[in-house]
Amino acid sequence: SDIMISEYLPAGSMEEQWNIDSLILEFKNELGLTFPIKQWLDEEDDVAEEEVRERIHQRVAKLFKEKEDRVGIEIMRRLEKDIMLKVLDNRWKEHLAAMDYLRQGIGLRGYAQKNPKQEYKREAFSMFQQMLEQIKHEAISLISRAELPTLEEIKAMEAAQQVPDNIK
């Protein structure tokens, strides 16, 4: 969420430089969350960028804590792990394809008076960092938007799926 916030509320910036509408829309689309940022700014005169950022972090942390309380720590960790593995698998496949594409075209850098090996290392590292950011962003987005049943509802579903021994 820090990258999302920084895009619309640059670090150390003044309120005139902020793009609050786009920030609110981004959080709504990506995390399913609505923040009353305009209300915070209307109610208090000197709300700094750091304070807005901190309030957003607190609300996101509260959302994840509520989800954890709803289903329990064990199920929440399993959900997080499953989502992270699925996102990692998909993004890694895309990354390998992009690396192959980069490798095929890197020889052309020599025409631009650049060392192809150094350019490959530089671009590959940049692509890897982008992949890691995409993984974090996508996993957090999926987890935050997941509608989770309560622990009691999960137990009821599990009980309903069990077949009594005398029916088998």
N, C-alpha and C. Protein backbone atom coordinates (compact mmCIF):
# COMPACT_ATOMS: atom_id res chain seq x y z
N SER A 1 0.82 -1.20 0.00
CA SER A 1 0.00 0.00 0.00
C SER A 1 0.86 1.26 0.00
N ASP A 2 2.11 1.16 0.44
CA ASP A 2 2.99 2.34 0.45
C ASP A 2 3.22 2.89 -0.95
N ILE A 3 3.39 2.00 -1.91
CA ILE A 3 3.62 2.44 -3.28
C ILE A 3 2.37 3.13 -3.82
N MET A 4 1.19 2.56 -3.51
CA MET A 4 -0.07 3.17 -3.95
C MET A 4 -0.21 4.56 -3.34
N ILE A 5 0.08 4.68 -2.06
CA ILE A 5 -0.05 5.97 -1.38
C ILE A 5 0.93 6.98 -1.97
N SER A 6 2.18 6.58 -2.14
CA SER A 6 3.22 7.49 -2.63
C SER A 6 2.92 8.02 -4.03
N GLU A 7 2.20 7.23 -4.82
CA GLU A 7 1.87 7.68 -6.16
C GLU A 7 0.94 8.90 -6.13
N TYR A 8 0.05 8.95 -5.13
CA TYR A 8 -0.93 10.03 -5.06
C TYR A 8 -0.65 11.04 -3.95
N LEU A 9 0.16 10.65 -2.98
CA LEU A 9 0.59 11.52 -1.89
C LEU A 9 2.10 11.43 -1.80
N PRO A 10 2.84 12.11 -2.65
CA PRO A 10 4.30 12.00 -2.62
C PRO A 10 4.85 12.36 -1.23
N ALA A 11 5.88 11.63 -0.81
CA ALA A 11 6.50 11.86 0.50
C ALA A 11 6.95 13.30 0.64
N GLY A 12 6.61 13.91 1.77
CA GLY A 12 7.02 15.28 2.05
C GLY A 12 6.29 16.34 1.25
N SER A 13 5.20 15.96 0.58
CA SER A 13 4.48 16.91 -0.27
C SER A 13 3.43 17.69 0.52
N MET A 14 2.95 18.75 -0.10
CA MET A 14 1.90 19.58 0.49
C MET A 14 0.54 19.12 -0.04
N GLU A 15 -0.52 19.50 0.66
CA GLU A 15 -1.87 19.07 0.29
C GLU A 15 -2.24 19.44 -1.14
N GLU A 16 -1.74 20.55 -1.64
CA GLU A 16 -2.04 20.99 -3.00
C GLU A 16 -1.51 20.00 -4.05
N GLN A 17 -0.50 19.23 -3.69
CA GLN A 17 0.12 18.28 -4.61
C GLN A 17 -0.55 16.91 -4.56
N TRP A 18 -1.48 16.72 -3.65
CA TRP A 18 -2.10 15.41 -3.47
C TRP A 18 -3.21 15.19 -4.48
N ASN A 19 -3.40 13.93 -4.85
CA ASN A 19 -4.50 13.54 -5.72
C ASN A 19 -5.40 12.59 -4.91
N ILE A 20 -6.21 13.19 -4.05
CA ILE A 20 -7.02 12.43 -3.09
C ILE A 20 -8.06 11.57 -3.80
N ASP A 21 -8.76 12.12 -4.80
CA ASP A 21 -9.80 11.36 -5.49
C ASP A 21 -9.25 10.07 -6.10
N SER A 22 -8.09 10.18 -6.74
CA SER A 22 -7.48 9.00 -7.36
C SER A 22 -7.00 8.00 -6.31
N LEU A 23 -6.50 8.51 -5.19
CA LEU A 23 -6.06 7.62 -4.11
C LEU A 23 -7.24 6.84 -3.54
N ILE A 24 -8.34 7.53 -3.29
CA ILE A 24 -9.54 6.87 -2.77
C ILE A 24 -10.03 5.81 -3.75
N LEU A 25 -10.07 6.17 -5.03
CA LEU A 25 -10.52 5.23 -6.07
C LEU A 25 -9.59 4.02 -6.17
N GLU A 26 -8.29 4.25 -6.07
CA GLU A 26 -7.31 3.16 -6.15
C GLU A 26 -7.51 2.15 -5.02
N PHE A 27 -7.69 2.65 -3.79
CA PHE A 27 -7.92 1.75 -2.66
C PHE A 27 -9.25 1.02 -2.79
N LYS A 28 -10.25 1.68 -3.32
CA LYS A 28 -11.56 1.04 -3.52
C LYS A 28 -11.43 -0.09 -4.53
N ASN A 29 -10.74 0.17 -5.65
CA ASN A 29 -10.60 -0.84 -6.70
C ASN A 29 -9.67 -1.98 -6.31
N GLU A 30 -8.54 -1.64 -5.69
CA GLU A 30 -7.52 -2.65 -5.41
C GLU A 30 -7.76 -3.43 -4.12
N LEU A 31 -8.24 -2.76 -3.08
CA LEU A 31 -8.39 -3.43 -1.79
C LEU A 31 -9.84 -3.51 -1.31
N GLY A 32 -10.74 -2.87 -2.04
CA GLY A 32 -12.14 -2.88 -1.62
C GLY A 32 -12.37 -2.04 -0.38
N LEU A 33 -11.51 -1.06 -0.13
CA LEU A 33 -11.61 -0.22 1.06
C LEU A 33 -11.92 1.22 0.67
N THR A 34 -12.70 1.87 1.52
CA THR A 34 -13.00 3.29 1.32
C THR A 34 -12.48 4.06 2.52
N PHE A 35 -11.67 5.05 2.26
CA PHE A 35 -11.10 5.88 3.32
C PHE A 35 -11.71 7.27 3.27
N PRO A 36 -12.11 7.83 4.43
CA PRO A 36 -12.68 9.18 4.46
C PRO A 36 -11.60 10.25 4.51
N ILE A 37 -10.69 10.23 3.56
CA ILE A 37 -9.55 11.15 3.58
C ILE A 37 -10.01 12.60 3.48
N LYS A 38 -11.00 12.85 2.62
CA LYS A 38 -11.50 14.23 2.49
C LYS A 38 -12.10 14.72 3.80
N GLN A 39 -12.76 13.82 4.50
CA GLN A 39 -13.33 14.17 5.81
C GLN A 39 -12.22 14.49 6.81
N TRP A 40 -11.16 13.69 6.79
CA TRP A 40 -10.03 13.96 7.69
C TRP A 40 -9.48 15.37 7.43
N LEU A 41 -9.34 15.70 6.14
CA LEU A 41 -8.77 16.99 5.78
C LEU A 41 -9.72 18.15 6.12
N ASP A 42 -11.04 17.92 5.98
CA ASP A 42 -12.01 18.96 6.30
C ASP A 42 -12.10 19.22 7.80
N GLU A 43 -11.99 18.14 8.59
CA GLU A 43 -12.15 18.26 10.04
C GLU A 43 -10.92 18.84 10.72
N GLU A 44 -9.75 18.60 10.15
CA GLU A 44 -8.51 19.06 10.77
C GLU A 44 -7.72 19.91 9.76
N ASP A 45 -7.22 21.01 10.25
CA ASP A 45 -6.51 21.94 9.36
C ASP A 45 -5.16 21.43 8.90
N ASP A 46 -4.35 20.96 9.81
CA ASP A 46 -2.97 20.61 9.48
C ASP A 46 -2.73 19.10 9.50
N VAL A 47 -3.36 18.38 8.58
CA VAL A 47 -3.12 16.95 8.47
C VAL A 47 -2.00 16.76 7.47
N ALA A 48 -0.86 16.29 7.96
CA ALA A 48 0.31 16.10 7.10
C ALA A 48 0.20 14.79 6.34
N GLU A 49 1.00 14.70 5.30
CA GLU A 49 1.04 13.48 4.47
C GLU A 49 1.36 12.25 5.31
N GLU A 50 2.29 12.38 6.26
CA GLU A 50 2.67 11.24 7.10
C GLU A 50 1.49 10.75 7.94
N GLU A 51 0.66 11.68 8.41
CA GLU A 51 -0.49 11.31 9.24
C GLU A 51 -1.55 10.60 8.41
N VAL A 52 -1.80 11.08 7.19
CA VAL A 52 -2.75 10.41 6.30
C VAL A 52 -2.26 9.00 6.01
N ARG A 53 -0.98 8.89 5.71
CA ARG A 53 -0.36 7.59 5.44
C ARG A 53 -0.52 6.64 6.64
N GLU A 54 -0.27 7.15 7.84
CA GLU A 54 -0.37 6.34 9.06
C GLU A 54 -1.81 5.89 9.30
N ARG A 55 -2.77 6.78 9.09
CA ARG A 55 -4.18 6.42 9.28
C ARG A 55 -4.60 5.32 8.30
N ILE A 56 -4.12 5.41 7.06
CA ILE A 56 -4.43 4.38 6.07
C ILE A 56 -3.82 3.05 6.51
N HIS A 57 -2.57 3.07 6.96
CA HIS A 57 -1.91 1.84 7.43
C HIS A 57 -2.68 1.22 8.59
N GLN A 58 -3.14 2.05 9.51
CA GLN A 58 -3.89 1.55 10.67
C GLN A 58 -5.20 0.88 10.23
N ARG A 59 -5.89 1.49 9.26
CA ARG A 59 -7.16 0.92 8.79
C ARG A 59 -6.94 -0.39 8.04
N VAL A 60 -5.87 -0.46 7.25
CA VAL A 60 -5.57 -1.70 6.53
C VAL A 60 -5.22 -2.80 7.54
N ALA A 61 -4.40 -2.46 8.54
CA ALA A 61 -4.03 -3.44 9.57
C ALA A 61 -5.27 -3.91 10.32
N LYS A 62 -6.19 -2.99 10.60
CA LYS A 62 -7.43 -3.33 11.30
C LYS A 62 -8.27 -4.30 10.46
N LEU A 63 -8.35 -4.06 9.15
CA LEU A 63 -9.10 -4.94 8.26
C LEU A 63 -8.54 -6.36 8.32
N PHE A 64 -7.21 -6.49 8.22
CA PHE A 64 -6.59 -7.80 8.25
C PHE A 64 -6.78 -8.48 9.60
N LYS A 65 -6.73 -7.70 10.68
CA LYS A 65 -6.95 -8.26 12.02
C LYS A 65 -8.39 -8.75 12.17
N GLU A 66 -9.34 -7.99 11.63
CA GLU A 66 -10.75 -8.41 11.68
C GLU A 66 -10.96 -9.71 10.91
N LYS A 67 -10.31 -9.83 9.76
CA LYS A 67 -10.42 -11.06 8.97
C LYS A 67 -9.82 -12.23 9.76
N GLU A 68 -8.68 -11.99 10.40
CA GLU A 68 -8.02 -13.03 11.19
C GLU A 68 -8.90 -13.44 12.37
N ASP A 69 -9.51 -12.46 13.04
CA ASP A 69 -10.40 -12.77 14.17
C ASP A 69 -11.62 -13.55 13.71
N ARG A 70 -12.07 -13.27 12.50
CA ARG A 70 -13.28 -13.91 11.97
C ARG A 70 -13.07 -15.40 11.70
N VAL A 71 -11.92 -15.75 11.13
CA VAL A 71 -11.69 -17.15 10.74
C VAL A 71 -10.69 -17.88 11.63
N GLY A 72 -9.94 -17.15 12.41
CA GLY A 72 -8.92 -17.77 13.25
C GLY A 72 -7.55 -17.67 12.60
N ILE A 73 -6.53 -17.68 13.44
CA ILE A 73 -5.16 -17.50 12.97
C ILE A 73 -4.73 -18.60 12.01
N GLU A 74 -5.05 -19.84 12.35
CA GLU A 74 -4.60 -20.97 11.54
C GLU A 74 -5.16 -20.91 10.12
N ILE A 75 -6.44 -20.65 9.99
CA ILE A 75 -7.07 -20.59 8.67
C ILE A 75 -6.57 -19.37 7.90
N MET A 76 -6.39 -18.26 8.61
CA MET A 76 -5.90 -17.05 7.94
C MET A 76 -4.51 -17.26 7.38
N ARG A 77 -3.62 -17.89 8.15
CA ARG A 77 -2.26 -18.15 7.65
C ARG A 77 -2.30 -19.09 6.45
N ARG A 78 -3.20 -20.09 6.50
CA ARG A 78 -3.32 -21.02 5.37
C ARG A 78 -3.83 -20.29 4.12
N LEU A 79 -4.82 -19.41 4.31
CA LEU A 79 -5.34 -18.63 3.19
C LEU A 79 -4.25 -17.74 2.60
N GLU A 80 -3.52 -17.05 3.47
CA GLU A 80 -2.43 -16.18 3.00
C GLU A 80 -1.39 -16.97 2.23
N LYS A 81 -1.04 -18.14 2.77
CA LYS A 81 -0.04 -18.98 2.10
C LYS A 81 -0.54 -19.45 0.74
N ASP A 82 -1.79 -19.91 0.68
CA ASP A 82 -2.34 -20.40 -0.59
C ASP A 82 -2.40 -19.29 -1.64
N ILE A 83 -2.86 -18.11 -1.22
CA ILE A 83 -2.93 -16.98 -2.16
C ILE A 83 -1.53 -16.58 -2.62
N MET A 84 -0.60 -16.49 -1.68
CA MET A 84 0.76 -16.10 -2.03
C MET A 84 1.40 -17.09 -3.00
N LEU A 85 1.20 -18.38 -2.79
CA LEU A 85 1.77 -19.39 -3.69
C LEU A 85 1.16 -19.30 -5.08
N LYS A 86 -0.16 -19.09 -5.15
CA LYS A 86 -0.82 -18.98 -6.45
C LYS A 86 -0.32 -17.74 -7.21
N VAL A 87 -0.26 -16.61 -6.52
CA VAL A 87 0.21 -15.38 -7.15
C VAL A 87 1.67 -15.53 -7.57
N LEU A 88 2.49 -16.08 -6.69
CA LEU A 88 3.91 -16.28 -6.99
C LEU A 88 4.09 -17.17 -8.21
N ASP A 89 3.32 -18.25 -8.29
CA ASP A 89 3.41 -19.17 -9.42
C ASP A 89 3.08 -18.46 -10.73
N ASN A 90 1.98 -17.71 -10.74
CA ASN A 90 1.58 -16.99 -11.95
C ASN A 90 2.60 -15.93 -12.36
N ARG A 91 3.03 -15.14 -11.40
CA ARG A 91 3.97 -14.06 -11.70
C ARG A 91 5.34 -14.61 -12.11
N TRP A 92 5.74 -15.74 -11.51
CA TRP A 92 7.04 -16.33 -11.87
C TRP A 92 7.02 -16.81 -13.31
N LYS A 93 5.91 -17.42 -13.74
CA LYS A 93 5.80 -17.87 -15.13
C LYS A 93 5.90 -16.67 -16.08
N GLU A 94 5.21 -15.59 -15.74
CA GLU A 94 5.27 -14.37 -16.57
C GLU A 94 6.70 -13.82 -16.59
N HIS A 95 7.36 -13.85 -15.44
CA HIS A 95 8.73 -13.34 -15.34
C HIS A 95 9.68 -14.15 -16.22
N LEU A 96 9.55 -15.47 -16.19
CA LEU A 96 10.42 -16.32 -17.02
C LEU A 96 10.21 -16.03 -18.51
N ALA A 97 8.97 -15.82 -18.91
CA ALA A 97 8.70 -15.48 -20.31
C ALA A 97 9.32 -14.12 -20.66
N ALA A 98 9.21 -13.15 -19.75
CA ALA A 98 9.78 -11.82 -19.99
C ALA A 98 11.30 -11.89 -20.05
N MET A 99 11.90 -12.74 -19.21
CA MET A 99 13.36 -12.90 -19.22
C MET A 99 13.82 -13.51 -20.54
N ASP A 100 13.05 -14.46 -21.05
CA ASP A 100 13.39 -15.07 -22.34
C ASP A 100 13.31 -14.03 -23.45
N TYR A 101 12.30 -13.19 -23.40
CA TYR A 101 12.14 -12.12 -24.39
C TYR A 101 13.31 -11.14 -24.30
N LEU A 102 13.71 -10.80 -23.06
CA LEU A 102 14.84 -9.89 -22.86
C LEU A 102 16.12 -10.51 -23.42
N ARG A 103 16.34 -11.78 -23.14
CA ARG A 103 17.54 -12.47 -23.60
C ARG A 103 17.62 -12.46 -25.13
N GLN A 104 16.48 -12.64 -25.78
CA GLN A 104 16.46 -12.67 -27.25
C GLN A 104 16.82 -11.32 -27.86
N GLY A 105 16.45 -10.23 -27.17
CA GLY A 105 16.67 -8.91 -27.75
C GLY A 105 17.86 -8.16 -27.21
N ILE A 106 18.57 -8.73 -26.24
CA ILE A 106 19.63 -7.97 -25.56
C ILE A 106 20.82 -7.70 -26.48
N GLY A 107 21.05 -8.53 -27.49
CA GLY A 107 22.18 -8.33 -28.39
C GLY A 107 22.11 -7.01 -29.14
N LEU A 108 20.92 -6.47 -29.29
CA LEU A 108 20.76 -5.20 -30.02
C LEU A 108 21.36 -4.03 -29.24
N ARG A 109 21.62 -4.20 -27.95
CA ARG A 109 22.19 -3.12 -27.14
C ARG A 109 23.59 -2.75 -27.63
N GLY A 110 24.26 -3.73 -28.23
CA GLY A 110 25.61 -3.46 -28.74
C GLY A 110 25.61 -2.40 -29.82
N TYR A 111 24.54 -2.33 -30.58
CA TYR A 111 24.43 -1.30 -31.62
C TYR A 111 24.33 0.10 -31.02
N ALA A 112 23.85 0.18 -29.79
CA ALA A 112 23.71 1.48 -29.12
C ALA A 112 24.94 1.78 -28.27
N GLN A 113 26.06 1.10 -28.55
CA GLN A 113 27.32 1.30 -27.83
C GLN A 113 27.21 0.95 -26.34
N LYS A 114 26.35 -0.02 -26.01
CA LYS A 114 26.20 -0.45 -24.62
C LYS A 114 26.65 -1.90 -24.50
N ASN A 115 27.17 -2.24 -23.33
CA ASN A 115 27.62 -3.60 -23.07
C ASN A 115 26.38 -4.48 -22.85
N PRO A 116 26.11 -5.42 -23.76
CA PRO A 116 24.90 -6.25 -23.64
C PRO A 116 24.81 -7.03 -22.32
N LYS A 117 25.95 -7.52 -21.84
CA LYS A 117 25.93 -8.30 -20.59
C LYS A 117 25.53 -7.41 -19.41
N GLN A 118 26.10 -6.22 -19.32
CA GLN A 118 25.75 -5.30 -18.23
C GLN A 118 24.30 -4.84 -18.34
N GLU A 119 23.85 -4.57 -19.56
CA GLU A 119 22.46 -4.15 -19.77
C GLU A 119 21.50 -5.26 -19.37
N TYR A 120 21.87 -6.51 -19.69
CA TYR A 120 21.02 -7.65 -19.33
C TYR A 120 20.91 -7.76 -17.81
N LYS A 121 22.03 -7.65 -17.11
CA LYS A 121 22.02 -7.73 -15.65
C LYS A 121 21.16 -6.63 -15.05
N ARG A 122 21.34 -5.40 -15.56
CA ARG A 122 20.61 -4.25 -15.04
C ARG A 122 19.11 -4.41 -15.27
N GLU A 123 18.72 -4.75 -16.47
CA GLU A 123 17.30 -4.89 -16.79
C GLU A 123 16.67 -6.09 -16.10
N ALA A 124 17.42 -7.19 -15.99
CA ALA A 124 16.91 -8.38 -15.32
C ALA A 124 16.65 -8.10 -13.83
N PHE A 125 17.55 -7.37 -13.21
CA PHE A 125 17.38 -7.03 -11.80
C PHE A 125 16.15 -6.13 -11.62
N SER A 126 15.99 -5.17 -12.49
CA SER A 126 14.83 -4.27 -12.44
C SER A 126 13.53 -5.05 -12.62
N MET A 127 13.53 -5.98 -13.57
CA MET A 127 12.34 -6.81 -13.82
C MET A 127 12.01 -7.68 -12.61
N PHE A 128 13.04 -8.20 -11.95
CA PHE A 128 12.83 -9.03 -10.77
C PHE A 128 12.22 -8.21 -9.64
N GLN A 129 12.73 -7.00 -9.43
CA GLN A 129 12.17 -6.12 -8.39
C GLN A 129 10.71 -5.79 -8.69
N GLN A 130 10.40 -5.52 -9.95
CA GLN A 130 9.01 -5.25 -10.33
C GLN A 130 8.12 -6.44 -10.05
N MET A 131 8.62 -7.64 -10.35
CA MET A 131 7.85 -8.85 -10.10
C MET A 131 7.54 -8.99 -8.62
N LEU A 132 8.53 -8.74 -7.76
CA LEU A 132 8.31 -8.86 -6.32
C LEU A 132 7.25 -7.87 -5.84
N GLU A 133 7.30 -6.65 -6.34
CA GLU A 133 6.29 -5.65 -5.98
C GLU A 133 4.91 -6.07 -6.46
N GLN A 134 4.82 -6.62 -7.66
CA GLN A 134 3.54 -7.07 -8.20
C GLN A 134 2.98 -8.22 -7.36
N ILE A 135 3.84 -9.12 -6.92
CA ILE A 135 3.41 -10.24 -6.10
C ILE A 135 2.82 -9.73 -4.79
N LYS A 136 3.54 -8.83 -4.12
CA LYS A 136 3.04 -8.28 -2.85
C LYS A 136 1.71 -7.58 -3.05
N HIS A 137 1.65 -6.74 -4.07
CA HIS A 137 0.44 -5.96 -4.33
C HIS A 137 -0.75 -6.86 -4.62
N GLU A 138 -0.56 -7.82 -5.51
CA GLU A 138 -1.66 -8.70 -5.90
C GLU A 138 -2.12 -9.58 -4.74
N ALA A 139 -1.18 -10.11 -3.96
CA ALA A 139 -1.55 -10.96 -2.83
C ALA A 139 -2.35 -10.16 -1.79
N ILE A 140 -1.89 -8.97 -1.47
CA ILE A 140 -2.59 -8.13 -0.50
C ILE A 140 -3.98 -7.78 -1.02
N SER A 141 -4.07 -7.46 -2.30
CA SER A 141 -5.35 -7.11 -2.91
C SER A 141 -6.33 -8.27 -2.81
N LEU A 142 -5.89 -9.47 -3.15
CA LEU A 142 -6.77 -10.64 -3.09
C LEU A 142 -7.20 -10.97 -1.67
N ILE A 143 -6.27 -10.90 -0.73
CA ILE A 143 -6.61 -11.20 0.66
C ILE A 143 -7.58 -10.17 1.22
N SER A 144 -7.36 -8.91 0.92
CA SER A 144 -8.22 -7.87 1.49
C SER A 144 -9.63 -7.93 0.93
N ARG A 145 -9.78 -8.37 -0.32
CA ARG A 145 -11.10 -8.44 -0.93
C ARG A 145 -11.80 -9.77 -0.67
N ALA A 146 -11.11 -10.74 -0.08
CA ALA A 146 -11.71 -12.05 0.17
C ALA A 146 -12.82 -11.94 1.21
N GLU A 147 -13.96 -12.51 0.88
CA GLU A 147 -15.08 -12.58 1.82
C GLU A 147 -14.94 -13.89 2.58
N LEU A 148 -14.65 -13.80 3.86
CA LEU A 148 -14.37 -14.99 4.65
C LEU A 148 -15.53 -15.34 5.58
N PRO A 149 -15.85 -16.62 5.66
CA PRO A 149 -16.89 -17.03 6.62
C PRO A 149 -16.32 -17.00 8.04
N THR A 150 -17.21 -17.00 9.03
CA THR A 150 -16.75 -17.05 10.42
C THR A 150 -16.25 -18.46 10.73
N LEU A 151 -15.56 -18.60 11.83
CA LEU A 151 -15.05 -19.90 12.25
C LEU A 151 -16.22 -20.87 12.47
N GLU A 152 -17.32 -20.36 13.03
CA GLU A 152 -18.50 -21.20 13.27
C GLU A 152 -19.11 -21.68 11.95
N GLU A 153 -19.15 -20.78 10.95
CA GLU A 153 -19.68 -21.16 9.64
C GLU A 153 -18.79 -22.21 8.97
N ILE A 154 -17.48 -22.08 9.15
CA ILE A 154 -16.55 -23.07 8.59
C ILE A 154 -16.78 -24.43 9.23
N LYS A 155 -16.91 -24.45 10.56
CA LYS A 155 -17.15 -25.72 11.27
C LYS A 155 -18.47 -26.34 10.84
N ALA A 156 -19.51 -25.51 10.63
CA ALA A 156 -20.80 -26.02 10.19
C ALA A 156 -20.70 -26.62 8.79
N MET A 157 -19.94 -25.97 7.90
CA MET A 157 -19.75 -26.50 6.54
C MET A 157 -18.99 -27.82 6.58
N GLU A 158 -17.95 -27.90 7.44
CA GLU A 158 -17.18 -29.14 7.55
C GLU A 158 -18.05 -30.26 8.10
N ALA A 159 -18.89 -29.94 9.08
CA ALA A 159 -19.77 -30.96 9.67
C ALA A 159 -20.78 -31.45 8.64
N ALA A 160 -21.29 -30.55 7.82
CA ALA A 160 -22.26 -30.92 6.79
C ALA A 160 -21.64 -31.81 5.72
N GLN A 161 -20.33 -31.68 5.52
CA GLN A 161 -19.66 -32.48 4.49
C GLN A 161 -19.29 -33.88 4.97
N GLN A 162 -19.28 -34.08 6.28
CA GLN A 162 -18.93 -35.40 6.82
C GLN A 162 -20.10 -36.36 6.65
N VAL A 163 -19.80 -37.57 6.19
CA VAL A 163 -20.83 -38.58 5.99
C VAL A 163 -20.76 -39.55 7.17
N PRO A 164 -21.90 -39.80 7.81
CA PRO A 164 -21.90 -40.75 8.94
C PRO A 164 -21.41 -42.13 8.51
N ASP A 165 -20.78 -42.87 9.45
CA ASP A 165 -20.21 -44.18 9.15
C ASP A 165 -21.24 -45.19 8.66
N ASN A 166 -22.47 -45.16 9.20
CA ASN A 166 -23.46 -46.17 8.83
C ASN A 166 -24.02 -45.97 7.40
N ILE A 167 -23.74 -44.84 6.76
CA ILE A 167 -24.21 -44.60 5.40
C ILE A 167 -23.19 -45.09 4.36
N LYS A 168 -21.92 -45.14 4.76
CA LYS A 168 -20.85 -45.52 3.82
C LYS A 168 -21.01 -46.90 3.28
